[in-house]
Amino acid sequence: MLLSSDEERFIEWWEKNRDNRKKSFRQLMIGLPMATVFVVAILFNFFAGWYKRATMMINTQSSSLILVLLIAGIGIVVFYSIFSMRYKWEMNEQRYQELQAKKHSTKSSD
């Protein structure tokens, strides 16, 4: 079975970009916007006031709670951005390996 043109283009693209996309700092920078949107949505939901108990907690323990929320938000951003980008890298690498095996099996059968 021959590779399609999309599969060939993916192989070429991944060979060029796989080392660059594996770096942790690069993964953090790529995943940062989505992770930030995720945390902003959580914080907006928390401060929206629809959950009365959360509003009471903010009013009684505002300074320490804000610090804890800030640290938790930063932790979520870092974890989510790195984890999601590493997962995408692993999925691309697996696809690359499968296509390479398919390509080599096609060449050996010819």
Protein backbone atom coordinates (compact mmCIF):
# COMPACT_ATOMS: atom_id res chain seq x y z
CA MET A 1 0.00 0.00 0.00
CA LEU A 2 1.47 3.31 -1.07
CA LEU A 3 1.55 6.42 1.03
CA SER A 4 -0.78 9.27 0.13
CA SER A 5 0.56 12.72 -0.65
CA ASP A 6 -0.64 13.97 2.76
CA GLU A 7 1.27 11.20 4.49
CA GLU A 8 4.41 11.97 2.49
CA ARG A 9 4.12 15.68 3.36
CA PHE A 10 3.66 14.80 7.03
CA ILE A 11 6.80 12.65 6.99
CA GLU A 12 8.82 15.45 5.41
CA TRP A 13 7.42 18.07 7.82
CA TRP A 14 7.97 15.91 10.89
CA GLU A 15 11.56 15.08 9.91
CA LYS A 16 12.27 18.82 9.76
CA ASN A 17 10.41 19.81 12.94
CA ARG A 18 10.55 16.87 15.34
CA ASP A 19 13.68 17.95 17.25
CA ASN A 20 12.53 21.55 17.53
CA ARG A 21 9.10 20.57 18.83
CA LYS A 22 10.52 18.23 21.47
CA LYS A 23 12.16 21.03 23.49
CA SER A 24 10.31 21.77 26.75
CA PHE A 25 10.60 25.55 26.42
CA ARG A 26 9.17 25.44 22.92
CA GLN A 27 6.33 23.20 24.11
CA LEU A 28 5.60 25.67 26.91
CA MET A 29 5.47 28.60 24.49
CA ILE A 30 3.21 26.81 22.02
CA GLY A 31 0.81 25.52 24.67
CA LEU A 32 0.74 28.72 26.72
CA PRO A 33 -2.16 30.50 24.94
CA MET A 34 -4.57 27.58 25.28
CA ALA A 35 -3.59 26.95 28.89
CA THR A 36 -4.05 30.62 29.72
CA VAL A 37 -7.53 30.63 28.21
CA PHE A 38 -8.31 27.54 30.26
CA VAL A 39 -7.22 29.19 33.54
CA VAL A 40 -8.94 32.50 32.72
CA ALA A 41 -12.18 30.58 32.18
CA ILE A 42 -11.77 28.87 35.56
CA LEU A 43 -11.04 32.17 37.33
CA PHE A 44 -13.92 33.93 35.59
CA ASN A 45 -16.22 31.14 36.69
CA PHE A 46 -14.87 31.41 40.24
CA PHE A 47 -15.26 35.20 40.47
CA ALA A 48 -18.57 35.43 38.58
CA GLY A 49 -20.54 35.13 41.80
CA TRP A 50 -22.91 32.36 40.79
CA TYR A 51 -21.49 30.05 43.46
CA LYS A 52 -22.30 31.78 46.74
CA ARG A 53 -19.93 29.72 48.87
CA ALA A 54 -16.96 30.73 46.70
CA THR A 55 -17.99 34.37 47.07
CA MET A 56 -18.13 33.97 50.86
CA MET A 57 -14.65 32.39 50.86
CA ILE A 58 -13.24 35.28 48.83
CA ASN A 59 -14.72 37.81 51.24
CA THR A 60 -13.40 36.11 54.39
CA GLN A 61 -9.93 35.02 53.26
CA SER A 62 -9.19 37.37 50.41
CA SER A 63 -5.41 37.92 50.68
CA SER A 64 -4.33 34.32 51.27
CA LEU A 65 -6.95 32.91 48.89
CA ILE A 66 -5.88 35.22 46.06
CA LEU A 67 -2.27 34.12 46.52
CA VAL A 68 -3.26 30.43 46.48
CA LEU A 69 -5.40 30.97 43.36
CA LEU A 70 -2.54 32.78 41.63
CA ILE A 71 -0.07 29.99 42.40
CA ALA A 72 -2.60 27.34 41.38
CA GLY A 73 -3.33 29.20 38.13
CA ILE A 74 0.35 29.40 37.24
CA GLY A 75 0.76 25.72 38.07
CA ILE A 76 -2.21 24.79 35.90
CA VAL A 77 -0.89 26.87 32.99
CA VAL A 78 2.56 25.30 33.12
CA PHE A 79 1.29 21.75 33.57
CA TYR A 80 -1.45 21.99 30.95
CA SER A 81 0.71 23.63 28.30
CA ILE A 82 3.64 21.23 28.66
CA PHE A 83 1.47 18.13 29.05
CA SER A 84 -0.74 18.90 26.06
CA MET A 85 2.20 19.71 23.80
CA ARG A 86 4.10 16.59 24.84
CA TYR A 87 1.00 14.54 24.13
CA LYS A 88 0.72 16.09 20.66
CA TRP A 89 4.43 15.46 20.07
CA GLU A 90 4.03 11.81 21.07
CA MET A 91 1.02 11.41 18.78
CA ASN A 92 2.92 12.93 15.84
CA GLU A 93 5.94 10.74 16.58
CA GLN A 94 3.77 7.63 16.69
CA ARG A 95 2.15 8.57 13.39
CA TYR A 96 5.59 9.19 11.89
CA GLN A 97 6.86 5.79 13.07
CA GLU A 98 3.78 4.05 11.69
CA LEU A 99 4.13 5.76 8.32
CA GLN A 100 7.83 4.94 8.19
CA ALA A 101 7.03 1.26 8.88
CA LYS A 102 4.34 1.34 6.20
CA LYS A 103 6.79 2.93 3.76
CA HIS A 104 9.49 0.35 4.46
CA SER A 105 7.06 -2.56 4.21
CA THR A 106 5.89 -1.24 0.84
CA LYS A 107 9.49 -1.00 -0.40
CA SER A 108 10.38 -4.48 0.79
CA SER A 109 7.31 -6.05 -0.84
CA ASP A 110 8.15 -4.49 -4.23
